[in-house]
Protein backbone atom coordinates (compact mmCIF):
# COMPACT_ATOMS: atom_id res chain seq x y z
CA MET A 1 -0.24 -0.12 0.13
CA SER A 2 1.61 2.96 -1.19
CA SER A 3 1.50 6.46 0.53
CA ASP A 4 0.49 9.75 -0.39
CA ARG A 5 3.24 11.57 -1.09
CA TYR A 6 2.19 15.05 -1.71
CA GLY A 7 -0.53 15.02 0.95
CA SER A 8 -4.07 15.78 0.72
CA ASP A 9 -3.09 19.79 -0.19
CA VAL A 10 -0.48 19.22 -3.65
CA LEU A 11 0.40 23.56 -2.87
CA GLY A 12 1.05 22.96 0.59
CA GLY A 13 4.23 23.18 2.05
CA SER A 14 6.27 20.68 3.91
CA GLY A 15 4.49 21.74 6.85
CA PRO A 16 5.09 24.69 9.89
CA ALA A 17 8.49 23.68 10.36
CA THR A 18 9.70 25.10 6.99
CA GLY A 19 6.75 27.31 6.18
CA SER A 20 4.96 28.12 2.82
CA ALA A 21 5.33 30.79 0.11
CA HIS A 22 1.74 29.96 -0.67
CA HIS A 23 0.30 30.26 3.08
CA ARG A 24 0.29 34.28 3.90
CA PRO A 25 -0.75 35.56 7.22
CA ALA A 26 -4.66 37.28 6.11
CA ARG A 27 -4.24 41.22 5.67
CA THR A 28 -5.02 43.51 8.76
CA SER A 29 -7.39 45.87 7.40
CA ARG A 30 -6.46 49.29 8.11
CA PRO A 31 -9.19 51.93 9.06
CA GLN A 32 -10.84 54.43 6.64
CA PRO A 33 -12.97 57.02 6.82
CA ALA A 34 -15.68 56.38 4.68
CA GLU A 35 -15.76 60.28 2.99
CA THR A 36 -18.19 61.21 0.45
CA GLY A 37 -17.41 59.98 -2.61
CA LEU A 38 -15.15 57.37 -1.76
CA VAL A 39 -15.24 54.38 -3.96
CA VAL A 40 -14.65 50.84 -2.52
CA GLU A 41 -15.98 47.63 -2.69
CA GLU A 42 -17.74 44.97 -0.73
CA VAL A 43 -16.04 41.93 -0.69
CA THR A 44 -18.61 39.90 -0.26
CA THR A 45 -21.12 40.95 -2.62
CA GLY A 46 -18.65 42.75 -5.54
CA TRP A 47 -20.66 45.85 -5.34
CA VAL A 48 -18.50 48.50 -6.13
CA GLY A 49 -19.84 52.37 -5.24
CA ALA A 50 -19.01 55.59 -4.06
CA VAL A 51 -19.94 56.84 -0.38
CA VAL A 52 -23.04 58.51 -0.52
CA ARG A 53 -23.45 58.54 3.03
CA VAL A 54 -22.83 57.06 6.51
CA GLU A 55 -26.01 56.53 8.52
CA LYS A 56 -27.49 55.19 12.17
CA SER A 57 -30.12 52.19 10.80
CA GLY A 58 -31.73 49.46 13.13
CA GLY A 59 -29.15 50.98 15.97
CA ILE A 60 -26.04 50.40 13.75
CA HIS A 61 -23.72 52.64 11.84
CA VAL A 62 -24.05 51.56 7.90
CA VAL A 63 -22.57 53.32 4.98
CA VAL A 64 -24.78 53.52 1.54
CA LEU A 65 -22.40 52.91 -1.87
CA GLU A 66 -23.92 54.23 -5.27
CA ASP A 67 -22.38 52.30 -8.55
CA ARG A 68 -22.32 54.32 -11.46
CA ARG A 69 -25.71 53.43 -12.49
CA GLY A 70 -26.96 55.17 -9.68
CA ARG A 71 -28.24 51.90 -7.96
CA THR A 72 -27.61 52.46 -4.15
CA ARG A 73 -26.94 49.59 -1.12
CA THR A 74 -26.47 49.57 2.00
CA PHE A 75 -23.95 47.92 4.53
CA PRO A 76 -23.04 47.48 7.88
CA LEU A 77 -19.54 49.73 8.29
CA GLY A 78 -16.39 48.21 9.36
CA ARG A 79 -14.32 45.55 7.81
CA GLY A 80 -15.22 43.87 4.69
CA PHE A 81 -14.16 46.66 2.08
CA TRP A 82 -11.45 46.67 -0.50
CA LEU A 83 -9.76 50.06 -1.32
CA ASP A 84 -7.27 50.20 -4.10
CA GLY A 85 -6.72 46.17 -3.67
CA GLU A 86 -5.79 46.93 0.09
CA PRO A 87 -8.79 45.42 3.00
CA VAL A 88 -10.08 48.51 4.88
CA ALA A 89 -12.29 48.69 7.89
CA LEU A 90 -14.86 51.70 6.79
CA THR A 91 -15.21 53.85 9.66
CA ALA A 92 -17.43 57.42 10.15
CA PRO A 93 -16.00 60.25 9.12
CA VAL A 94 -14.81 62.95 11.65
CA ARG A 95 -16.87 66.14 11.30
CA VAL A 96 -15.03 69.13 11.88
CA THR A 97 -17.24 71.38 13.70
CA ALA A 98 -16.51 75.18 13.11
CA PRO A 99 -16.15 77.24 15.99
CA ALA A 100 -19.35 79.50 16.88
CA LYS A 101 -19.01 82.63 15.75
CA PRO A 102 -18.76 85.71 18.76
CA THR A 103 -22.27 86.99 18.95
CA ARG A 104 -20.67 90.09 20.48
CA THR A 105 -17.93 92.72 19.51
CA ALA A 106 -15.15 93.73 21.37
CA SER A 107 -16.91 96.83 22.47
CA GLY A 108 -20.30 94.32 23.68
CA SER A 109 -22.37 95.60 20.56
CA VAL A 110 -23.90 92.94 18.81
CA ALA A 111 -21.99 91.06 16.34
CA VAL A 112 -23.15 91.49 12.71
CA HIS A 113 -21.34 88.53 10.79
CA ASP A 114 -19.98 88.92 6.92
CA ALA A 115 -21.33 92.64 6.91
CA ARG A 116 -19.79 94.71 4.18
CA ALA A 117 -17.64 97.34 5.82
CA ARG A 118 -19.94 100.98 4.85
CA VAL A 119 -18.64 103.85 2.30
CA ALA A 120 -16.70 106.33 4.94
CA ARG A 121 -18.97 109.30 6.56
CA GLY A 122 -17.86 113.23 6.01
CA SER A 123 -17.72 112.69 9.52
CA ARG A 124 -14.63 111.90 11.57
CA ILE A 125 -13.17 110.79 14.76
CA TRP A 126 -9.93 112.33 15.73
CA VAL A 127 -7.32 111.09 18.35
CA GLU A 128 -4.06 112.73 19.45
CA GLY A 129 -1.79 109.17 18.68
CA LYS A 130 -1.07 106.22 17.29
CA HIS A 131 -1.91 104.45 20.53
CA ASP A 132 -5.06 106.11 20.78
CA ALA A 133 -5.90 104.48 17.83
CA GLU A 134 -4.83 101.43 18.15
CA LEU A 135 -6.64 101.01 21.26
CA VAL A 136 -9.68 102.40 19.22
CA GLU A 137 -9.66 99.70 16.41
CA LYS A 138 -8.87 96.83 18.74
CA VAL A 139 -12.26 97.31 20.75
CA TRP A 140 -14.76 99.15 18.45
CA GLY A 141 -13.31 98.44 15.37
CA ASP A 142 -16.04 96.51 14.18
CA ASP A 143 -18.82 99.03 15.35
CA LEU A 144 -17.32 101.88 13.24
CA ARG A 145 -16.38 99.68 9.69
CA ILE A 146 -20.46 99.01 10.17
CA GLU A 147 -21.01 102.81 10.70
CA GLY A 148 -18.53 103.69 8.27
CA VAL A 149 -16.51 106.46 10.59
CA VAL A 150 -12.80 106.73 9.69
CA VAL A 151 -10.64 107.32 12.73
CA GLU A 152 -7.55 109.71 12.41
CA LEU A 153 -4.53 111.16 13.95
CA LEU A 154 -3.90 114.44 15.19
CA ASP A 155 -0.23 113.50 16.14
CA GLY A 156 -1.00 116.25 19.09
CA VAL A 157 -3.89 117.93 20.93
CA ASP A 158 -1.76 121.17 19.81
CA ASN A 159 -2.39 120.62 16.28
CA LEU A 160 -6.20 120.56 16.83
CA PRO A 161 -7.32 124.12 16.28
CA ASP A 162 -5.40 124.17 12.48
CA ALA A 163 -7.32 121.09 11.89
CA ILE A 164 -10.92 122.18 12.39
CA ARG A 165 -9.60 125.09 9.84
CA ASP A 166 -8.40 122.82 7.64
CA PHE A 167 -11.53 120.15 8.05
CA ALA A 168 -14.17 122.88 7.80
CA PRO A 169 -16.83 120.91 9.42
CA GLY A 170 -20.73 121.45 8.75
CA PRO A 171 -23.86 119.89 8.07
CA GLY A 172 -22.95 115.98 7.69
CA ARG A 173 -18.99 116.55 8.65
CA ARG A 174 -18.95 116.77 12.22
CA VAL A 175 -15.34 115.87 13.84
CA GLY A 176 -15.25 113.88 17.19
CA VAL A 177 -12.34 114.56 19.15
CA LEU A 178 -11.05 112.10 21.90
CA VAL A 179 -8.35 114.17 23.69
CA ASP A 180 -5.94 113.27 26.57
CA HIS A 181 -5.34 114.28 30.00
CA LEU A 182 -8.72 117.09 29.44
CA VAL A 183 -9.10 118.14 32.90
CA ALA A 184 -10.07 121.33 34.16
CA GLY A 185 -7.59 124.60 33.94
CA ALA A 186 -5.29 122.32 31.89
CA LYS A 187 -3.68 123.20 28.70
CA GLU A 188 -5.58 120.31 26.59
CA SER A 189 -9.47 122.66 28.23
CA ARG A 190 -8.16 125.83 26.58
CA ILE A 191 -7.15 124.43 23.22
CA ALA A 192 -10.35 122.44 22.65
CA ALA A 193 -12.48 125.29 23.88
CA GLU A 194 -10.37 127.35 20.86
CA ALA A 195 -11.13 124.53 18.44
CA VAL A 196 -14.87 124.63 19.05
CA ARG A 197 -15.10 127.95 18.53
CA LEU A 198 -13.67 128.07 15.22
CA ALA A 199 -16.43 125.59 14.00
CA PRO A 200 -20.38 126.37 13.80
CA ALA A 201 -22.43 125.18 16.28
CA GLY A 202 -23.32 121.58 17.08
CA THR A 203 -20.23 120.23 14.27
CA VAL A 204 -17.56 119.70 16.44
CA LEU A 205 -17.71 117.67 20.21
CA VAL A 206 -14.58 117.34 21.98
CA LEU A 207 -14.65 114.80 24.73
CA GLY A 208 -11.36 113.44 26.91
CA HIS A 209 -10.15 111.12 29.71
CA PRO A 210 -8.41 112.05 32.57
CA TYR A 211 -5.20 110.09 31.96
CA VAL A 212 -1.74 111.60 31.21
CA ASP A 213 -1.49 108.94 28.32
CA VAL A 214 -4.33 106.12 27.42
CA TRP A 215 -1.95 103.78 28.69
CA GLN A 216 -3.75 104.34 32.14
CA ALA A 217 -7.18 103.78 30.27
CA VAL A 218 -6.23 100.57 30.26
CA ARG A 219 -6.90 98.47 33.96
CA PRO A 220 -4.09 97.90 35.58
CA GLU A 221 -4.99 94.31 36.40
CA ARG A 222 -4.22 93.31 32.85
CA ILE A 223 -0.78 93.51 33.34
CA GLY A 224 -0.04 92.38 36.79
CA LEU A 225 -0.13 95.91 38.43
CA THR A 226 -3.26 97.11 41.12
CA ALA A 227 -2.87 100.76 40.28
CA TRP A 228 -0.59 102.43 37.15
CA PRO A 229 2.51 104.26 38.98
CA THR A 230 2.50 108.00 39.50
CA ILE A 231 5.36 109.40 37.79
CA GLU A 232 6.97 112.56 39.01
CA ARG A 233 6.74 115.81 37.18
CA GLY A 234 9.68 116.30 35.00
CA THR A 235 9.92 112.93 33.76
CA GLU A 236 8.77 111.67 30.44
CA TRP A 237 5.98 109.18 31.39
CA LYS A 238 5.78 106.14 29.68
CA HIS A 239 9.70 105.87 29.82
CA GLY A 240 8.37 106.47 33.68
CA ILE A 241 6.20 103.80 33.66
CA LEU A 242 8.57 101.20 31.97
CA ARG A 243 11.21 101.86 34.92
CA GLU A 244 9.00 101.35 37.43
CA LEU A 245 7.55 98.19 35.50
CA GLY A 246 11.70 96.92 35.18
CA TRP A 247 10.58 96.59 31.56
CA PRO A 248 13.19 98.29 28.99
CA ALA A 249 12.89 101.65 28.74
CA ALA A 250 16.41 102.54 26.69
CA ASP A 251 14.90 103.98 23.92
CA GLN A 252 11.36 104.53 21.28
CA ALA A 253 11.28 100.69 20.48
CA ASP A 254 11.20 99.73 23.87
CA VAL A 255 8.37 101.79 24.36
CA ALA A 256 6.79 100.78 21.06
CA ARG A 257 7.15 96.69 22.39
CA ALA A 258 5.75 97.76 25.56
CA TRP A 259 2.54 99.16 24.17
CA GLN A 260 1.87 96.19 22.27
CA ARG A 261 2.42 93.72 25.51
CA ILE A 262 -0.40 96.52 27.08
CA LEU A 263 -2.41 95.82 23.57
CA ARG A 264 -2.57 92.50 23.53
CA SER A 265 -3.62 92.46 27.10
CA VAL A 266 -6.53 94.10 26.11
CA ARG A 267 -9.62 91.61 24.85
CA SER A 268 -12.66 94.03 25.17
CA TYR A 269 -14.20 97.19 26.41
CA ALA A 270 -14.27 95.03 29.93
CA ASP A 271 -10.28 95.64 30.19
CA LEU A 272 -10.88 99.51 29.75
CA GLU A 273 -12.02 102.12 32.54
CA PRO A 274 -15.04 103.49 32.36
CA SER A 275 -13.91 107.07 31.86
CA LEU A 276 -12.58 106.04 28.24
CA LEU A 277 -15.61 103.76 27.55
CA GLY A 278 -17.91 106.47 28.00
CA ARG A 279 -16.18 108.95 25.70
CA VAL A 280 -15.85 107.01 22.61
CA GLU A 281 -19.20 105.73 23.06
CA GLU A 282 -20.23 109.17 22.77
CA LEU A 283 -18.26 110.43 20.63
CA ILE A 284 -19.30 107.57 17.88
CA ASP A 285 -22.85 108.05 18.68
CA PHE A 286 -22.10 112.28 17.99
CA VAL A 287 -20.67 111.40 14.17
CA THR A 288 -23.04 108.99 13.50
CA SER A 289 -26.47 110.84 14.41
């Protein structure tokens, strides 16, 4: 009686010890998000189609595939699919939710999304310098664009009377001016009064805050202080502040860097002193009414 010299499997190897090139371990299905339009083959039926959608049906997640003739079939999500000759396990696609748009602007106004900036009005708001303008832009910029109000620099209150003469305020052409350190008896108050007299009644409004510089209108807690330091007369205020804070104060570049640090600390109107908030709101109302 002869033995079967090949065994029951003529393609088999010589056994576990030697292995076989014809017996490979099954390939593992890699995860593949079932994104819309992805073309896969369902292995048990041979159905080839593009992913139309993923949904929940009967308590399980399923994928709907559409073939090239527009016919659709539904299969359980998971293993059992081929993609480019490789086994895949289809998974539900990750949905990235866009962050909710803010409902309020930095000034506390109701946010109007996707609104186009209004054509600039004839009226203007003037501020003394660049730092004032940057602070107003950060907190009220969205409101001003919708209202069509342009903020311009005076480069110092001393230039206010000449600027009023050049601008020639009139009907539909008002000027609202924000002045630093506008307190009774100060030089700024005298200049403001002169500027108002130069224009027709009701066309110029000069308002101000009591601070030496607009920096002080930022709540001191925002930069780790309980109060802004008092700088003695005769000392340039910004450099004196920087030395009190222990920040670099060698030149104008140090001042600029310090201001950007302070400005970054401002998140909304809540980080500003009420004495500035009220004045800016009043000026906006004046030039838009």
